[in-house]
């Protein structure tokens, strides 16, 4: 399953969860991807790109 934006290429980044005792545990923060038809093609696009496309119309 693709976890990158088809338009801009943005993908997951590294982050950390912090417990109550301030212990750091590594985790991945994924991009908010949505299925959308662009120019007749069905693509997975991040919401940042969707907002940019809506602004251009």
PDB file of N, CA and C in Angstrom:
ATOM      1  N   UNK A   1       0.836  -1.182   0.000  1.00  0.00           N
ATOM      2  CA  UNK A   1       0.000   0.000   0.000  1.00  0.00           C
ATOM      3  C   UNK A   1       0.881   1.245   0.000  1.00  0.00           C
ATOM      4  N   UNK A   2       0.625   2.144  -0.933  1.00  0.00           N
ATOM      5  CA  UNK A   2       1.421   3.356  -1.037  1.00  0.00           C
ATOM      6  C   UNK A   2       1.112   4.306   0.116  1.00  0.00           C
ATOM      7  N   UNK A   3       2.154   4.830   0.717  1.00  0.00           N
ATOM      8  CA  UNK A   3       1.981   5.784   1.811  1.00  0.00           C
ATOM      9  C   UNK A   3       2.669   7.094   1.480  1.00  0.00           C
ATOM     10  N   UNK A   4       2.752   7.387   0.184  1.00  0.00           N
ATOM     11  CA  UNK A   4       3.314   8.645  -0.287  1.00  0.00           C
ATOM     12  C   UNK A   4       2.301   9.311  -1.193  1.00  0.00           C
ATOM     13  N   UNK A   5       2.356  10.619  -1.207  1.00  0.00           N
ATOM     14  CA  UNK A   5       1.477  11.399  -2.075  1.00  0.00           C
ATOM     15  C   UNK A   5       1.921  11.205  -3.523  1.00  0.00           C
ATOM     16  N   UNK A   6       0.963  10.942  -4.414  1.00  0.00           N
ATOM     17  CA  UNK A   6       1.283  10.736  -5.830  1.00  0.00           C
ATOM     18  C   UNK A   6       1.681  12.030  -6.512  1.00  0.00           C
ATOM     19  N   UNK A   7       1.270  13.161  -5.969  1.00  0.00           N
ATOM     20  CA  UNK A   7       1.536  14.446  -6.603  1.00  0.00           C
ATOM     21  C   UNK A   7       2.844  15.073  -6.130  1.00  0.00           C
ATOM     22  N   UNK A   8       3.025  15.208  -4.814  1.00  0.00           N
ATOM     23  CA  UNK A   8       4.204  15.907  -4.296  1.00  0.00           C
ATOM     24  C   UNK A   8       5.267  14.973  -3.735  1.00  0.00           C
ATOM     25  N   UNK A   9       4.918  13.706  -3.464  1.00  0.00           N
ATOM     26  CA  UNK A   9       5.894  12.752  -2.971  1.00  0.00           C
ATOM     27  C   UNK A   9       6.105  12.766  -1.467  1.00  0.00           C
ATOM     28  N   UNK A  10       5.301  13.546  -0.746  1.00  0.00           N
ATOM     29  CA  UNK A  10       5.437  13.578   0.714  1.00  0.00           C
ATOM     30  C   UNK A  10       5.133  12.209   1.296  1.00  0.00           C
ATOM     31  N   UNK A  11       5.905  11.812   2.302  1.00  0.00           N
ATOM     32  CA  UNK A  11       5.707  10.522   2.935  1.00  0.00           C
ATOM     33  C   UNK A  11       5.729  10.643   4.446  1.00  0.00           C
ATOM     34  N   UNK A  12       5.926   9.518   5.112  1.00  0.00           N
ATOM     35  CA  UNK A  12       5.933   9.474   6.564  1.00  0.00           C
ATOM     36  C   UNK A  12       7.189  10.153   7.110  1.00  0.00           C
ATOM     37  N   UNK A  13       7.064  10.716   8.323  1.00  0.00           N
ATOM     38  CA  UNK A  13       8.204  11.298   9.015  1.00  0.00           C
ATOM     39  C   UNK A  13       8.347  10.618  10.363  1.00  0.00           C
ATOM     40  N   UNK A  14       9.509  10.789  10.989  1.00  0.00           N
ATOM     41  CA  UNK A  14       9.740  10.191  12.298  1.00  0.00           C
ATOM     42  C   UNK A  14       9.275  11.153  13.377  1.00  0.00           C
ATOM     43  N   UNK A  15       8.712  10.586  14.422  1.00  0.00           N
ATOM     44  CA  UNK A  15       8.270  11.364  15.563  1.00  0.00           C
ATOM     45  C   UNK A  15       8.499  10.576  16.826  1.00  0.00           C
ATOM     46  N   UNK A  16       8.047  11.121  17.923  1.00  0.00           N
ATOM     47  CA  UNK A  16       8.224  10.441  19.201  1.00  0.00           C
ATOM     48  C   UNK A  16       6.984  10.625  20.055  1.00  0.00           C
ATOM     49  N   UNK A  17       6.594   9.546  20.733  1.00  0.00           N
ATOM     50  CA  UNK A  17       5.544   9.654  21.737  1.00  0.00           C
ATOM     51  C   UNK A  17       6.235   9.859  23.075  1.00  0.00           C
ATOM     52  N   UNK A  18       5.622  10.655  23.925  1.00  0.00           N
ATOM     53  CA  UNK A  18       6.179  10.917  25.243  1.00  0.00           C
ATOM     54  C   UNK A  18       5.210  10.400  26.290  1.00  0.00           C
ATOM     55  N   UNK A  19       5.717   9.568  27.189  1.00  0.00           N
ATOM     56  CA  UNK A  19       4.880   9.037  28.256  1.00  0.00           C
ATOM     57  C   UNK A  19       4.813  10.059  29.401  1.00  0.00           C
ATOM     58  N   UNK A  20       4.041   9.726  30.399  1.00  0.00           N
ATOM     59  CA  UNK A  20       3.906  10.613  31.565  1.00  0.00           C
ATOM     60  C   UNK A  20       5.251  10.800  32.271  1.00  0.00           C
ATOM     61  N   UNK A  21       6.094   9.765  32.227  1.00  0.00           N
ATOM     62  CA  UNK A  21       7.422   9.856  32.850  1.00  0.00           C
ATOM     63  C   UNK A  21       8.466  10.437  31.886  1.00  0.00           C
ATOM     64  N   UNK A  22       7.996  10.965  30.740  1.00  0.00           N
ATOM     65  CA  UNK A  22       8.823  11.648  29.739  1.00  0.00           C
ATOM     66  C   UNK A  22       9.776  10.701  28.999  1.00  0.00           C
ATOM     67  N   UNK A  23       9.437   9.402  28.939  1.00  0.00           N
ATOM     68  CA  UNK A  23      10.225   8.448  28.159  1.00  0.00           C
ATOM     69  C   UNK A  23       9.848   8.609  26.689  1.00  0.00           C
ATOM     70  N   UNK A  24      10.846   8.659  25.825  1.00  0.00           N
ATOM     71  CA  UNK A  24      10.614   8.855  24.399  1.00  0.00           C
ATOM     72  C   UNK A  24      10.574   7.506  23.691  1.00  0.00           C
ATOM     73  N   UNK A  25       9.535   7.260  22.878  1.00  0.00           N
ATOM     74  CA  UNK A  25       9.409   6.054  22.070  1.00  0.00           C
ATOM     75  C   UNK A  25       9.222   6.487  20.619  1.00  0.00           C
ATOM     76  N   UNK A  26      10.047   5.953  19.729  1.00  0.00           N
ATOM     77  CA  UNK A  26       9.970   6.346  18.320  1.00  0.00           C
ATOM     78  C   UNK A  26       8.712   5.799  17.661  1.00  0.00           C
ATOM     79  N   UNK A  27       8.149   6.577  16.739  1.00  0.00           N
ATOM     80  CA  UNK A  27       6.985   6.166  15.965  1.00  0.00           C
ATOM     81  C   UNK A  27       7.020   6.875  14.625  1.00  0.00           C
ATOM     82  N   UNK A  28       6.158   6.464  13.708  1.00  0.00           N
ATOM     83  CA  UNK A  28       6.065   7.103  12.398  1.00  0.00           C
ATOM     84  C   UNK A  28       4.775   7.904  12.320  1.00  0.00           C
ATOM     85  N   UNK A  29       4.863   9.093  11.749  1.00  0.00           N
ATOM     86  CA  UNK A  29       3.709   9.960  11.565  1.00  0.00           C
ATOM     87  C   UNK A  29       3.411   9.967  10.066  1.00  0.00           C
ATOM     88  N   UNK A  30       2.248   9.451   9.689  1.00  0.00           N
ATOM     89  CA  UNK A  30       1.898   9.313   8.286  1.00  0.00           C
ATOM     90  C   UNK A  30       1.148  10.536   7.767  1.00  0.00           C
ATOM     91  N   UNK A  31       1.217  10.724   6.454  1.00  0.00           N
ATOM     92  CA  UNK A  31       0.540  11.818   5.774  1.00  0.00           C
ATOM     93  C   UNK A  31      -0.934  11.457   5.605  1.00  0.00           C
ATOM     94  N   UNK A  32      -1.817  12.447   5.665  1.00  0.00           N
ATOM     95  CA  UNK A  32      -3.249  12.238   5.479  1.00  0.00           C
ATOM     96  C   UNK A  32      -3.532  12.100   3.982  1.00  0.00           C
ATOM     97  N   UNK A  33      -3.659  10.849   3.507  1.00  0.00           N
ATOM     98  CA  UNK A  33      -3.875  10.587   2.080  1.00  0.00           C
ATOM     99  C   UNK A  33      -5.341  10.313   1.785  1.00  0.00           C
ATOM    100  N   UNK A  34      -5.802  10.812   0.649  1.00  0.00           N
ATOM    101  CA  UNK A  34      -7.175  10.636   0.204  1.00  0.00           C
ATOM    102  C   UNK A  34      -7.161  10.182  -1.254  1.00  0.00           C
ATOM    103  N   UNK A  35      -8.088   9.282  -1.617  1.00  0.00           N
ATOM    104  CA  UNK A  35      -8.256   8.901  -3.021  1.00  0.00           C
ATOM    105  C   UNK A  35      -8.991  10.030  -3.727  1.00  0.00           C
ATOM    106  N   UNK A  36      -8.459  10.478  -4.867  1.00  0.00           N
ATOM    107  CA  UNK A  36      -9.069  11.580  -5.607  1.00  0.00           C
ATOM    108  C   UNK A  36      -8.808  11.391  -7.094  1.00  0.00           C
ATOM    109  N   UNK A  37      -9.771  11.774  -7.932  1.00  0.00           N
ATOM    110  CA  UNK A  37      -9.578  11.732  -9.377  1.00  0.00           C
ATOM    111  C   UNK A  37      -9.002  13.065  -9.828  1.00  0.00           C
ATOM    112  N   UNK A  38      -7.836  13.003 -10.476  1.00  0.00           N
ATOM    113  CA  UNK A  38      -7.178  14.201 -10.999  1.00  0.00           C
ATOM    114  C   UNK A  38      -6.850  13.928 -12.457  1.00  0.00           C
ATOM    115  N   UNK A  39      -7.388  14.755 -13.337  1.00  0.00           N
ATOM    116  CA  UNK A  39      -7.192  14.602 -14.783  1.00  0.00           C
ATOM    117  C   UNK A  39      -7.577  13.205 -15.276  1.00  0.00           C
ATOM    118  N   UNK A  40      -8.644  12.644 -14.716  1.00  0.00           N
ATOM    119  CA  UNK A  40      -9.137  11.333 -15.133  1.00  0.00           C
ATOM    120  C   UNK A  40      -8.433  10.148 -14.506  1.00  0.00           C
ATOM    121  N   UNK A  41      -7.404  10.386 -13.677  1.00  0.00           N
ATOM    122  CA  UNK A  41      -6.682   9.308 -13.012  1.00  0.00           C
ATOM    123  C   UNK A  41      -7.020   9.303 -11.531  1.00  0.00           C
ATOM    124  N   UNK A  42      -7.193   8.105 -10.977  1.00  0.00           N
ATOM    125  CA  UNK A  42      -7.460   7.971  -9.553  1.00  0.00           C
ATOM    126  C   UNK A  42      -6.121   7.887  -8.821  1.00  0.00           C
ATOM    127  N   UNK A  43      -5.859   8.834  -7.919  1.00  0.00           N
ATOM    128  CA  UNK A  43      -4.566   8.916  -7.244  1.00  0.00           C
ATOM    129  C   UNK A  43      -4.750   9.091  -5.750  1.00  0.00           C
ATOM    130  N   UNK A  44      -3.700   8.730  -5.002  1.00  0.00           N
ATOM    131  CA  UNK A  44      -3.671   9.017  -3.569  1.00  0.00           C
ATOM    132  C   UNK A  44      -2.953  10.347  -3.392  1.00  0.00           C
ATOM    133  N   UNK A  45      -3.676  11.361  -2.908  1.00  0.00           N
ATOM    134  CA  UNK A  45      -3.139  12.707  -2.775  1.00  0.00           C
ATOM    135  C   UNK A  45      -3.280  13.165  -1.333  1.00  0.00           C
ATOM    136  N   UNK A  46      -2.255  13.853  -0.821  1.00  0.00           N
ATOM    137  CA  UNK A  46      -2.324  14.372   0.541  1.00  0.00           C
ATOM    138  C   UNK A  46      -3.297  15.555   0.579  1.00  0.00           C
ATOM    139  N   UNK A  47      -3.824  15.848   1.749  1.00  0.00           N
ATOM    140  CA  UNK A  47      -4.818  16.911   1.886  1.00  0.00           C
ATOM    141  C   UNK A  47      -4.224  18.282   1.597  1.00  0.00           C
ATOM    142  N   UNK A  48      -2.926  18.443   1.793  1.00  0.00           N
ATOM    143  CA  UNK A  48      -2.272  19.711   1.459  1.00  0.00           C
ATOM    144  C   UNK A  48      -2.375  19.979  -0.041  1.00  0.00           C
ATOM    145  N   UNK A  49      -2.147  18.943  -0.860  1.00  0.00           N
ATOM    146  CA  UNK A  49      -2.272  19.074  -2.316  1.00  0.00           C
ATOM    147  C   UNK A  49      -3.724  19.288  -2.730  1.00  0.00           C
ATOM    148  N   UNK A  50      -4.667  18.642  -2.032  1.00  0.00           N
ATOM    149  CA  UNK A  50      -6.090  18.822  -2.337  1.00  0.00           C
ATOM    150  C   UNK A  50      -6.499  20.278  -2.136  1.00  0.00           C
ATOM    151  N   UNK A  51      -6.024  20.885  -1.048  1.00  0.00           N
ATOM    152  CA  UNK A  51      -6.336  22.282  -0.797  1.00  0.00           C
ATOM    153  C   UNK A  51      -5.742  23.189  -1.869  1.00  0.00           C
ATOM    154  N   UNK A  52      -4.536  22.851  -2.327  1.00  0.00           N
ATOM    155  CA  UNK A  52      -3.889  23.640  -3.374  1.00  0.00           C
ATOM    156  C   UNK A  52      -4.651  23.505  -4.688  1.00  0.00           C
ATOM    157  N   UNK A  53      -5.115  22.283  -5.004  1.00  0.00           N
ATOM    158  CA  UNK A  53      -5.897  22.069  -6.217  1.00  0.00           C
ATOM    159  C   UNK A  53      -7.222  22.824  -6.172  1.00  0.00           C
ATOM    160  N   UNK A  54      -7.851  22.851  -5.005  1.00  0.00           N
ATOM    161  CA  UNK A  54      -9.120  23.559  -4.851  1.00  0.00           C
ATOM    162  C   UNK A  54      -8.920  25.072  -5.005  1.00  0.00           C
ATOM    163  N   UNK A  55      -7.784  25.556  -4.552  1.00  0.00           N
ATOM    164  CA  UNK A  55      -7.479  26.989  -4.656  1.00  0.00           C
ATOM    165  C   UNK A  55      -7.253  27.394  -6.105  1.00  0.00           C
ATOM    166  N   UNK A  56      -6.683  26.495  -6.919  1.00  0.00           N
ATOM    167  CA  UNK A  56      -6.369  26.794  -8.309  1.00  0.00           C
ATOM    168  C   UNK A  56      -7.623  26.881  -9.179  1.00  0.00           C
ATOM    169  N   UNK A  57      -8.720  26.211  -8.745  1.00  0.00           N
ATOM    170  CA  UNK A  57      -9.946  26.208  -9.555  1.00  0.00           C
ATOM    171  C   UNK A  57     -10.687  27.512  -9.477  1.00  0.00           C
TER     172      UNK A  57
END
